[in-house]
Amino acid sequence: VTAANDGLELLARRVPADGPWTVGGLDETEAVTQSLGPAPD
């Protein structure tokens, strides 16, 4: 339920027909669901 709350805005976004947005090599859905970890290394 918490994850649904945090990710709801992604469901409402429109994306191009050729694929999702990329941010630093990650698609935005993956960037939210992937564990970024507490440290960048």
Full PDB file with SEQRES, HELIX, SHEET, SSBOND, CRYST1, ORIGX, SCALE, CONECT and MASTER records, all heavy atoms in Angstrom:
SEQRES   1 A   41  VAL THR ALA ALA ASN ASP GLY LEU GLU LEU LEU ALA ARG          
SEQRES   2 A   41  ARG VAL PRO ALA ASP GLY PRO TRP THR VAL GLY GLY LEU          
SEQRES   3 A   41  ASP GLU THR GLU ALA VAL THR GLN SER LEU GLY PRO ALA          
SEQRES   4 A   41  PRO ASP                                                      
HELIX    1 AA1 THR A    2  ALA A   12  1                                  11    
HELIX    2 AA2 GLU A   28  THR A   33  1                                   6    
SHEET    1 AA1 2 THR A  22  VAL A  23  0                                        
SHEET    2 AA1 2 LEU A  26  ASP A  27 -1                                        
CRYST1    1.000    1.000    1.000  90.00  90.00  90.00 P 1           1          
ORIGX1      1.000000  0.000000  0.000000        0.00000                         
ORIGX2      0.000000  1.000000  0.000000        0.00000                         
ORIGX3      0.000000  0.000000  1.000000        0.00000                         
SCALE1      1.000000  0.000000  0.000000        0.00000                         
SCALE2      0.000000  1.000000  0.000000        0.00000                         
SCALE3      0.000000  0.000000  1.000000        0.00000                         
ATOM      1  N   VAL A   1       0.837  -1.203   0.000  1.00  0.00           N  
ATOM      2  CA  VAL A   1       0.000   0.000   0.000  1.00  0.00           C  
ATOM      3  C   VAL A   1       0.865   1.243   0.000  1.00  0.00           C  
ATOM      4  O   VAL A   1       0.621   2.209  -0.725  1.00  0.00           O  
ATOM      5  CB  VAL A   1      -0.958  -0.016   1.210  1.00  0.00           C  
ATOM      6  CG1 VAL A   1      -1.590   1.363   1.412  1.00  0.00           C  
ATOM      7  CG2 VAL A   1      -2.048  -1.050   0.995  1.00  0.00           C  
ATOM      8  N   THR A   2       1.939   1.243   0.805  1.00  0.00           N  
ATOM      9  CA  THR A   2       2.860   2.385   0.814  1.00  0.00           C  
ATOM     10  C   THR A   2       3.516   2.557  -0.546  1.00  0.00           C  
ATOM     11  O   THR A   2       3.659   3.667  -1.058  1.00  0.00           O  
ATOM     12  CB  THR A   2       3.931   2.186   1.894  1.00  0.00           C  
ATOM     13  OG1 THR A   2       3.292   2.086   3.164  1.00  0.00           O  
ATOM     14  CG2 THR A   2       4.908   3.356   1.914  1.00  0.00           C  
ATOM     15  N   ALA A   3       3.916   1.462  -1.165  1.00  0.00           N  
ATOM     16  CA  ALA A   3       4.542   1.543  -2.488  1.00  0.00           C  
ATOM     17  C   ALA A   3       3.567   2.081  -3.522  1.00  0.00           C  
ATOM     18  O   ALA A   3       3.931   2.865  -4.404  1.00  0.00           O  
ATOM     19  CB  ALA A   3       5.046   0.161  -2.910  1.00  0.00           C  
ATOM     20  N   ALA A   4       2.299   1.662  -3.427  1.00  0.00           N  
ATOM     21  CA  ALA A   4       1.291   2.178  -4.371  1.00  0.00           C  
ATOM     22  C   ALA A   4       1.120   3.676  -4.221  1.00  0.00           C  
ATOM     23  O   ALA A   4       0.993   4.410  -5.205  1.00  0.00           O  
ATOM     24  CB  ALA A   4      -0.038   1.472  -4.138  1.00  0.00           C  
ATOM     25  N   ASN A   5       1.126   4.152  -2.986  1.00  0.00           N  
ATOM     26  CA  ASN A   5       1.012   5.592  -2.738  1.00  0.00           C  
ATOM     27  C   ASN A   5       2.179   6.332  -3.359  1.00  0.00           C  
ATOM     28  O   ASN A   5       2.015   7.324  -4.068  1.00  0.00           O  
ATOM     29  CB  ASN A   5       0.962   5.829  -1.226  1.00  0.00           C  
ATOM     30  CG  ASN A   5       0.862   7.290  -0.876  1.00  0.00           C  
ATOM     31  OD1 ASN A   5       0.437   8.097  -1.694  1.00  0.00           O  
ATOM     32  ND2 ASN A   5       1.248   7.636   0.333  1.00  0.00           N  
ATOM     33  N   ASP A   6       3.404   5.828  -3.112  1.00  0.00           N  
ATOM     34  CA  ASP A   6       4.597   6.514  -3.611  1.00  0.00           C  
ATOM     35  C   ASP A   6       4.696   6.472  -5.134  1.00  0.00           C  
ATOM     36  O   ASP A   6       5.227   7.387  -5.753  1.00  0.00           O  
ATOM     37  CB  ASP A   6       5.859   5.875  -3.014  1.00  0.00           C  
ATOM     38  CG  ASP A   6       5.976   6.129  -1.515  1.00  0.00           C  
ATOM     39  OD1 ASP A   6       5.359   7.103  -1.045  1.00  0.00           O  
ATOM     40  OD2 ASP A   6       6.657   5.354  -0.828  1.00  0.00           O  
ATOM     41  N   GLY A   7       4.163   5.396  -5.748  1.00  0.00           N  
ATOM     42  CA  GLY A   7       4.347   5.265  -7.187  1.00  0.00           C  
ATOM     43  C   GLY A   7       3.158   5.634  -8.021  1.00  0.00           C  
ATOM     44  O   GLY A   7       3.193   5.509  -9.239  1.00  0.00           O  
ATOM     45  N   LEU A   8       2.083   6.147  -7.396  1.00  0.00           N  
ATOM     46  CA  LEU A   8       0.850   6.391  -8.140  1.00  0.00           C  
ATOM     47  C   LEU A   8       1.033   7.378  -9.275  1.00  0.00           C  
ATOM     48  O   LEU A   8       0.443   7.238 -10.343  1.00  0.00           O  
ATOM     49  CB  LEU A   8      -0.236   6.902  -7.182  1.00  0.00           C  
ATOM     50  CG  LEU A   8      -1.629   7.083  -7.789  1.00  0.00           C  
ATOM     51  CD1 LEU A   8      -2.132   5.745  -8.319  1.00  0.00           C  
ATOM     52  CD2 LEU A   8      -2.576   7.642  -6.755  1.00  0.00           C  
ATOM     53  N   GLU A   9       1.873   8.397  -9.058  1.00  0.00           N  
ATOM     54  CA  GLU A   9       2.035   9.400 -10.105  1.00  0.00           C  
ATOM     55  C   GLU A   9       2.636   8.824 -11.372  1.00  0.00           C  
ATOM     56  O   GLU A   9       2.418   9.340 -12.472  1.00  0.00           O  
ATOM     57  CB  GLU A   9       2.918  10.559  -9.611  1.00  0.00           C  
ATOM     58  CG  GLU A   9       4.388  10.226  -9.407  1.00  0.00           C  
ATOM     59  CD  GLU A   9       4.668   9.641  -8.039  1.00  0.00           C  
ATOM     60  OE1 GLU A   9       3.728   9.230  -7.349  1.00  0.00           O  
ATOM     61  OE2 GLU A   9       5.852   9.587  -7.662  1.00  0.00           O  
ATOM     62  N   LEU A  10       3.379   7.732 -11.253  1.00  0.00           N  
ATOM     63  CA  LEU A  10       3.976   7.143 -12.444  1.00  0.00           C  
ATOM     64  C   LEU A  10       2.918   6.484 -13.322  1.00  0.00           C  
ATOM     65  O   LEU A  10       3.032   6.457 -14.539  1.00  0.00           O  
ATOM     66  CB  LEU A  10       5.024   6.111 -12.040  1.00  0.00           C  
ATOM     67  CG  LEU A  10       6.223   6.678 -11.277  1.00  0.00           C  
ATOM     68  CD1 LEU A  10       7.142   5.547 -10.847  1.00  0.00           C  
ATOM     69  CD2 LEU A  10       6.956   7.667 -12.132  1.00  0.00           C  
ATOM     70  N   LEU A  11       1.868   5.953 -12.691  1.00  0.00           N  
ATOM     71  CA  LEU A  11       0.803   5.316 -13.461  1.00  0.00           C  
ATOM     72  C   LEU A  11       0.033   6.331 -14.282  1.00  0.00           C  
ATOM     73  O   LEU A  11      -0.522   6.009 -15.322  1.00  0.00           O  
ATOM     74  CB  LEU A  11      -0.149   4.587 -12.516  1.00  0.00           C  
ATOM     75  CG  LEU A  11       0.483   3.495 -11.641  1.00  0.00           C  
ATOM     76  CD1 LEU A  11      -0.575   2.906 -10.719  1.00  0.00           C  
ATOM     77  CD2 LEU A  11       1.112   2.413 -12.495  1.00  0.00           C  
ATOM     78  N   ALA A  12      -0.023   7.570 -13.815  1.00  0.00           N  
ATOM     79  CA  ALA A  12      -0.826   8.594 -14.484  1.00  0.00           C  
ATOM     80  C   ALA A  12      -0.058   9.302 -15.584  1.00  0.00           C  
ATOM     81  O   ALA A  12      -0.638  10.020 -16.376  1.00  0.00           O  
ATOM     82  CB  ALA A  12      -1.314   9.625 -13.456  1.00  0.00           C  
ATOM     83  N   ARG A  13       1.271   9.100 -15.644  1.00  0.00           N  
ATOM     84  CA  ARG A  13       2.067   9.854 -16.604  1.00  0.00           C  
ATOM     85  C   ARG A  13       1.954   9.254 -17.992  1.00  0.00           C  
ATOM     86  O   ARG A  13       1.880   8.047 -18.176  1.00  0.00           O  
ATOM     87  CB  ARG A  13       3.543   9.862 -16.197  1.00  0.00           C  
ATOM     88  CG  ARG A  13       3.820  10.733 -14.991  1.00  0.00           C  
ATOM     89  CD  ARG A  13       5.302  11.017 -14.886  1.00  0.00           C  
ATOM     90  NE  ARG A  13       5.747  11.704 -16.067  1.00  0.00           N  
ATOM     91  CZ  ARG A  13       6.940  11.500 -16.631  1.00  0.00           C  
ATOM     92  NH1 ARG A  13       7.768  10.664 -16.142  1.00  0.00           N  
ATOM     93  NH2 ARG A  13       7.285  12.176 -17.725  1.00  0.00           N  
ATOM     94  N   ARG A  14       1.953  10.104 -19.011  1.00  0.00           N  
ATOM     95  CA  ARG A  14       1.999   9.641 -20.383  1.00  0.00           C  
ATOM     96  C   ARG A  14       3.462   9.527 -20.790  1.00  0.00           C  
ATOM     97  O   ARG A  14       4.285  10.372 -20.446  1.00  0.00           O  
ATOM     98  CB  ARG A  14       1.308  10.653 -21.313  1.00  0.00           C  
ATOM     99  CG  ARG A  14      -0.178  10.796 -21.064  1.00  0.00           C  
ATOM    100  CD  ARG A  14      -0.901   9.494 -21.331  1.00  0.00           C  
ATOM    101  NE  ARG A  14      -2.332   9.656 -21.230  1.00  0.00           N  
ATOM    102  CZ  ARG A  14      -3.130   9.737 -22.282  1.00  0.00           C  
ATOM    103  NH1 ARG A  14      -2.655   9.712 -23.493  1.00  0.00           N  
ATOM    104  NH2 ARG A  14      -4.428   9.856 -22.128  1.00  0.00           N  
ATOM    105  N   VAL A  15       3.821   8.497 -21.554  1.00  0.00           N  
ATOM    106  CA  VAL A  15       5.197   8.332 -22.007  1.00  0.00           C  
ATOM    107  C   VAL A  15       5.189   8.178 -23.516  1.00  0.00           C  
ATOM    108  O   VAL A  15       4.182   7.838 -24.122  1.00  0.00           O  
ATOM    109  CB  VAL A  15       5.858   7.099 -21.351  1.00  0.00           C  
ATOM    110  CG1 VAL A  15       5.977   7.286 -19.858  1.00  0.00           C  
ATOM    111  CG2 VAL A  15       5.092   5.826 -21.665  1.00  0.00           C  
ATOM    112  N   PRO A  16       6.320   8.433 -24.159  1.00  0.00           N  
ATOM    113  CA  PRO A  16       6.364   8.307 -25.613  1.00  0.00           C  
ATOM    114  C   PRO A  16       6.087   6.876 -26.054  1.00  0.00           C  
ATOM    115  O   PRO A  16       6.287   5.925 -25.296  1.00  0.00           O  
ATOM    116  CB  PRO A  16       7.808   8.728 -25.956  1.00  0.00           C  
ATOM    117  CG  PRO A  16       8.300   9.460 -24.753  1.00  0.00           C  
ATOM    118  CD  PRO A  16       7.566   8.872 -23.594  1.00  0.00           C  
ATOM    119  N   ALA A  17       5.644   6.741 -27.309  1.00  0.00           N  
ATOM    120  CA  ALA A  17       5.316   5.425 -27.820  1.00  0.00           C  
ATOM    121  C   ALA A  17       6.549   4.529 -27.909  1.00  0.00           C  
ATOM    122  O   ALA A  17       6.452   3.308 -27.858  1.00  0.00           O  
ATOM    123  CB  ALA A  17       4.663   5.559 -29.201  1.00  0.00           C  
ATOM    124  N   ASP A  18       7.748   5.131 -28.038  1.00  0.00           N  
ATOM    125  CA  ASP A  18       8.948   4.323 -28.211  1.00  0.00           C  
ATOM    126  C   ASP A  18       9.606   3.957 -26.889  1.00  0.00           C  
ATOM    127  O   ASP A  18      10.706   3.456 -26.859  1.00  0.00           O  
ATOM    128  CB  ASP A  18       9.954   5.051 -29.108  1.00  0.00           C  
ATOM    129  CG  ASP A  18      10.350   6.406 -28.544  1.00  0.00           C  
ATOM    130  OD1 ASP A  18       9.701   6.854 -27.580  1.00  0.00           O  
ATOM    131  OD2 ASP A  18      11.302   7.000 -29.068  1.00  0.00           O  
ATOM    132  N   GLY A  19       8.948   4.213 -25.761  1.00  0.00           N  
ATOM    133  CA  GLY A  19       9.515   3.748 -24.508  1.00  0.00           C  
ATOM    134  C   GLY A  19       9.447   4.783 -23.417  1.00  0.00           C  
ATOM    135  O   GLY A  19       9.080   5.929 -23.647  1.00  0.00           O  
ATOM    136  N   PRO A  20       9.793   4.374 -22.189  1.00  0.00           N  
ATOM    137  CA  PRO A  20       9.715   5.281 -21.048  1.00  0.00           C  
ATOM    138  C   PRO A  20      10.886   6.237 -20.985  1.00  0.00           C  
ATOM    139  O   PRO A  20      11.894   6.068 -21.683  1.00  0.00           O  
ATOM    140  CB  PRO A  20       9.739   4.315 -19.858  1.00  0.00           C  
ATOM    141  CG  PRO A  20      10.520   3.142 -20.354  1.00  0.00           C  
ATOM    142  CD  PRO A  20      10.181   3.022 -21.828  1.00  0.00           C  
ATOM    143  N   TRP A  21      10.728   7.246 -20.147  1.00  0.00           N  
ATOM    144  CA  TRP A  21      11.830   8.180 -19.922  1.00  0.00           C  
ATOM    145  C   TRP A  21      13.004   7.454 -19.277  1.00  0.00           C  
ATOM    146  O   TRP A  21      12.841   6.510 -18.530  1.00  0.00           O  
ATOM    147  CB  TRP A  21      11.390   9.321 -19.007  1.00  0.00           C  
ATOM    148  CG  TRP A  21      10.348  10.162 -19.616  1.00  0.00           C  
ATOM    149  CD1 TRP A  21       9.065  10.313 -19.193  1.00  0.00           C  
ATOM    150  CD2 TRP A  21      10.472  10.947 -20.788  1.00  0.00           C  
ATOM    151  NE1 TRP A  21       8.372  11.143 -20.023  1.00  0.00           N  
ATOM    152  CE2 TRP A  21       9.212  11.544 -21.012  1.00  0.00           C  
ATOM    153  CE3 TRP A  21      11.494  11.198 -21.688  1.00  0.00           C  
ATOM    154  CZ2 TRP A  21       8.977  12.390 -22.088  1.00  0.00           C  
ATOM    155  CZ3 TRP A  21      11.250  12.038 -22.751  1.00  0.00           C  
ATOM    156  CH2 TRP A  21      10.022  12.614 -22.947  1.00  0.00           C  
ATOM    157  N   THR A  22      14.185   7.924 -19.552  1.00  0.00           N  
ATOM    158  CA  THR A  22      15.361   7.383 -18.890  1.00  0.00           C  
ATOM    159  C   THR A  22      15.995   8.474 -18.061  1.00  0.00           C  
ATOM    160  O   THR A  22      16.049   9.632 -18.456  1.00  0.00           O  
ATOM    161  CB  THR A  22      16.399   6.869 -19.903  1.00  0.00           C  
ATOM    162  OG1 THR A  22      16.768   7.931 -20.779  1.00  0.00           O  
ATOM    163  CG2 THR A  22      15.838   5.718 -20.710  1.00  0.00           C  
ATOM    164  N   VAL A  23      16.453   8.110 -16.893  1.00  0.00           N  
ATOM    165  CA  VAL A  23      17.154   9.038 -16.013  1.00  0.00           C  
ATOM    166  C   VAL A  23      18.421   8.339 -15.574  1.00  0.00           C  
ATOM    167  O   VAL A  23      18.382   7.374 -14.814  1.00  0.00           O  
ATOM    168  CB  VAL A  23      16.301   9.399 -14.781  1.00  0.00           C  
ATOM    169  CG1 VAL A  23      17.033  10.398 -13.907  1.00  0.00           C  
ATOM    170  CG2 VAL A  23      14.963   9.967 -15.203  1.00  0.00           C  
ATOM    171  N   GLY A  24      19.564   8.817 -16.064  1.00  0.00           N  
ATOM    172  CA  GLY A  24      20.818   8.182 -15.701  1.00  0.00           C  
ATOM    173  C   GLY A  24      20.880   6.717 -16.105  1.00  0.00           C  
ATOM    174  O   GLY A  24      21.485   5.893 -15.419  1.00  0.00           O  
ATOM    175  N   GLY A  25      20.251   6.378 -17.232  1.00  0.00           N  
ATOM    176  CA  GLY A  25      20.290   5.015 -17.713  1.00  0.00           C  
ATOM    177  C   GLY A  25      19.203   4.117 -17.156  1.00  0.00           C  
ATOM    178  O   GLY A  25      19.119   2.950 -17.501  1.00  0.00           O  
ATOM    179  N   LEU A  26      18.375   4.611 -16.256  1.00  0.00           N  
ATOM    180  CA  LEU A  26      17.288   3.815 -15.681  1.00  0.00           C  
ATOM    181  C   LEU A  26      15.964   4.346 -16.170  1.00  0.00           C  
ATOM    182  O   LEU A  26      15.777   5.552 -16.241  1.00  0.00           O  
ATOM    183  CB  LEU A  26      17.314   3.904 -14.147  1.00  0.00           C  
ATOM    184  CG  LEU A  26      18.560   3.373 -13.443  1.00  0.00           C  
ATOM    185  CD1 LEU A  26      18.463   3.710 -11.967  1.00  0.00           C  
ATOM    186  CD2 LEU A  26      18.683   1.876 -13.627  1.00  0.00           C  
ATOM    187  N   ASP A  27      15.048   3.439 -16.524  1.00  0.00           N  
ATOM    188  CA  ASP A  27      13.729   3.977 -16.803  1.00  0.00           C  
ATOM    189  C   ASP A  27      13.107   4.374 -15.473  1.00  0.00           C  
ATOM    190  O   ASP A  27      13.468   3.887 -14.422  1.00  0.00           O  
ATOM    191  CB  ASP A  27      12.856   2.969 -17.566  1.00  0.00           C  
ATOM    192  CG  ASP A  27      12.387   1.821 -16.713  1.00  0.00           C  
ATOM    193  OD1 ASP A  27      11.555   2.050 -15.812  1.00  0.00           O  
ATOM    194  OD2 ASP A  27      12.832   0.704 -16.973  1.00  0.00           O  
ATOM    195  N   GLU A  28      12.162   5.316 -15.545  1.00  0.00           N  
ATOM    196  CA  GLU A  28      11.715   5.972 -14.320  1.00  0.00           C  
ATOM    197  C   GLU A  28      10.985   5.022 -13.385  1.00  0.00           C  
ATOM    198  O   GLU A  28      11.077   5.131 -12.169  1.00  0.00           O  
ATOM    199  CB  GLU A  28      10.835   7.178 -14.659  1.00  0.00           C  
ATOM    200  CG  GLU A  28      10.846   8.183 -13.543  1.00  0.00           C  
ATOM    201  CD  GLU A  28      10.347   9.521 -14.004  1.00  0.00           C  
ATOM    202  OE1 GLU A  28      10.941  10.074 -14.940  1.00  0.00           O  
ATOM    203  OE2 GLU A  28       9.381  10.008 -13.427  1.00  0.00           O  
ATOM    204  N   THR A  29      10.253   4.047 -13.934  1.00  0.00           N  
ATOM    205  CA  THR A  29       9.619   3.072 -13.070  1.00  0.00           C  
ATOM    206  C   THR A  29      10.674   2.265 -12.321  1.00  0.00           C  
ATOM    207  O   THR A  29      10.577   2.007 -11.131  1.00  0.00           O  
ATOM    208  CB  THR A  29       8.735   2.131 -13.907  1.00  0.00           C  
ATOM    209  OG1 THR A  29       7.794   2.917 -14.626  1.00  0.00           O  
ATOM    210  CG2 THR A  29       8.009   1.140 -13.024  1.00  0.00           C  
ATOM    211  N   GLU A  30      11.713   1.869 -13.028  1.00  0.00           N  
ATOM    212  CA  GLU A  30      12.791   1.104 -12.407  1.00  0.00           C  
ATOM    213  C   GLU A  30      13.512   1.934 -11.367  1.00  0.00           C  
ATOM    214  O   GLU A  30      13.919   1.426 -10.317  1.00  0.00           O  
ATOM    215  CB  GLU A  30      13.763   0.645 -13.492  1.00  0.00           C  
ATOM    216  CG  GLU A  30      14.888  -0.241 -12.986  1.00  0.00           C  
ATOM    217  CD  GLU A  30      15.858  -0.615 -14.087  1.00  0.00           C  
ATOM    218  OE1 GLU A  30      15.578  -0.299 -15.256  1.00  0.00           O  
ATOM    219  OE2 GLU A  30      16.904  -1.197 -13.770  1.00  0.00           O  
ATOM    220  N   ALA A  31      13.680   3.247 -11.650  1.00  0.00           N  
ATOM    221  CA  ALA A  31      14.389   4.110 -10.712  1.00  0.00           C  
ATOM    222  C   ALA A  31      13.668   4.198  -9.382  1.00  0.00           C  
ATOM    223  O   ALA A  31      14.297   4.399  -8.345  1.00  0.00           O  
ATOM    224  CB  ALA A  31      14.548   5.517 -11.309  1.00  0.00           C  
ATOM    225  N   VAL A  32      12.323   4.068  -9.421  1.00  0.00           N  
ATOM    226  CA  VAL A  32      11.561   4.118  -8.180  1.00  0.00           C  
ATOM    227  C   VAL A  32      11.611   2.781  -7.462  1.00  0.00           C  
ATOM    228  O   VAL A  32      11.800   2.716  -6.246  1.00  0.00           O  
ATOM    229  CB  VAL A  32      10.098   4.512  -8.467  1.00  0.00           C  
ATOM    230  CG1 VAL A  32       9.271   4.459  -7.201  1.00  0.00           C  
ATOM    231  CG2 VAL A  32      10.051   5.918  -9.058  1.00  0.00           C  
ATOM    232  N   THR A  33      11.438   1.689  -8.207  1.00  0.00           N  
ATOM    233  CA  THR A  33      11.315   0.390  -7.568  1.00  0.00           C  
ATOM    234  C   THR A  33      12.672  -0.204  -7.209  1.00  0.00           C  
ATOM    235  O   THR A  33      12.778  -0.995  -6.280  1.00  0.00           O  
ATOM    236  CB  THR A  33      10.557  -0.576  -8.483  1.00  0.00           C  
ATOM    237  OG1 THR A  33      11.225  -0.664  -9.746  1.00  0.00           O  
ATOM    238  CG2 THR A  33       9.137  -0.086  -8.724  1.00  0.00           C  
ATOM    239  N   GLN A  34      13.709   0.118  -7.956  1.00  0.00           N  
ATOM    240  CA  GLN A  34      15.027  -0.411  -7.632  1.00  0.00           C  
ATOM    241  C   GLN A  34      15.489   0.152  -6.302  1.00  0.00           C  
ATOM    242  O   GLN A  34      15.281   1.310  -5.993  1.00  0.00           O  
ATOM    243  CB  GLN A  34      16.031  -0.030  -8.727  1.00  0.00           C  
ATOM    244  CG  GLN A  34      17.449  -0.463  -8.395  1.00  0.00           C  
ATOM    245  CD  GLN A  34      18.410  -0.017  -9.473  1.00  0.00           C  
ATOM    246  OE1 GLN A  34      17.997   0.173 -10.606  1.00  0.00           O  
ATOM    247  NE2 GLN A  34      19.661   0.161  -9.128  1.00  0.00           N  
ATOM    248  N   SER A  35      16.140  -0.672  -5.514  1.00  0.00           N  
ATOM    249  CA  SER A  35      16.702  -0.191  -4.249  1.00  0.00           C  
ATOM    250  C   SER A  35      17.940   0.622  -4.554  1.00  0.00           C  
ATOM    251  O   SER A  35      18.970   0.096  -4.959  1.00  0.00           O  
ATOM    252  CB  SER A  35      17.047  -1.381  -3.348  1.00  0.00           C  
ATOM    253  OG  SER A  35      17.641  -0.940  -2.159  1.00  0.00           O  
ATOM    254  N   LEU A  36      17.843   1.932  -4.386  1.00  0.00           N  
ATOM    255  CA  LEU A  36      18.996   2.792  -4.651  1.00  0.00           C  
ATOM    256  C   LEU A  36      20.099   2.592  -3.630  1.00  0.00           C  
ATOM    257  O   LEU A  36      21.247   2.873  -3.905  1.00  0.00           O  
ATOM    258  CB  LEU A  36      18.546   4.258  -4.652  1.00  0.00           C  
ATOM    259  CG  LEU A  36      17.731   4.715  -5.846  1.00  0.00           C  
ATOM    260  CD1 LEU A  36      17.161   6.103  -5.608  1.00  0.00           C  
ATOM    261  CD2 LEU A  36      18.568   4.705  -7.098  1.00  0.00           C  
ATOM    262  N   GLY A  37      19.742   2.128  -2.460  1.00  0.00           N  
ATOM    263  CA  GLY A  37      20.740   1.922  -1.432  1.00  0.00           C  
ATOM    264  C   GLY A  37      21.034   3.197  -0.671  1.00  0.00           C  
ATOM    265  O   GLY A  37      20.909   4.310  -1.195  1.00  0.00           O  
ATOM    266  N   PRO A  38      21.467   3.087   0.580  1.00  0.00           N  
ATOM    267  CA  PRO A  38      21.739   4.272   1.393  1.00  0.00           C  
ATOM    268  C   PRO A  38      23.008   5.011   0.999  1.00  0.00           C  
ATOM    269  O   PRO A  38      23.198   6.159   1.382  1.00  0.00           O  
ATOM    270  CB  PRO A  38      21.848   3.707   2.808  1.00  0.00           C  
ATOM    271  CG  PRO A  38      22.317   2.299   2.598  1.00  0.00           C  
ATOM    272  CD  PRO A  38      21.673   1.834   1.321  1.00  0.00           C  
ATOM    273  N   ALA A  39      23.885   4.353   0.234  1.00  0.00           N  
ATOM    274  CA  ALA A  39      25.136   4.988  -0.202  1.00  0.00           C  
ATOM    275  C   ALA A  39      25.298   4.776  -1.699  1.00  0.00           C  
ATOM    276  O   ALA A  39      24.889   3.740  -2.238  1.00  0.00           O  
ATOM    277  CB  ALA A  39      26.319   4.399   0.554  1.00  0.00           C  
ATOM    278  N   PRO A  40      25.907   5.728  -2.410  1.00  0.00           N  
ATOM    279  CA  PRO A  40      25.979   5.647  -3.866  1.00  0.00           C  
ATOM    280  C   PRO A  40      26.910   4.553  -4.386  1.00  0.00           C  
ATOM    281  O   PRO A  40      26.786   4.133  -5.537  1.00  0.00           O  
ATOM    282  CB  PRO A  40      26.485   7.037  -4.272  1.00  0.00           C  
ATOM    283  CG  PRO A  40      27.225   7.536  -3.071  1.00  0.00           C  
ATOM    284  CD  PRO A  40      26.489   6.993  -1.895  1.00  0.00           C  
ATOM    285  N   ASP A  41      27.833   4.091  -3.549  1.00  0.00           N  
ATOM    286  CA  ASP A  41      28.776   3.064  -4.011  1.00  0.00           C  
ATOM    287  C   ASP A  41      28.218   1.656  -3.882  1.00  0.00           C  
ATOM    288  O   ASP A  41      28.914   0.671  -4.154  1.00  0.00           O  
ATOM    289  CB  ASP A  41      30.092   3.169  -3.235  1.00  0.00           C  
ATOM    290  CG  ASP A  41      29.902   2.996  -1.726  1.00  0.00           C  
ATOM    291  OD1 ASP A  41      28.757   2.766  -1.303  1.00  0.00           O  
ATOM    292  OD2 ASP A  41      30.899   3.110  -0.994  1.00  0.00           O  
TER     293      ASP A  41                                                      
MASTER        0    0    0    2    2    0    0    6  292    1    0    4          
END                                                                             
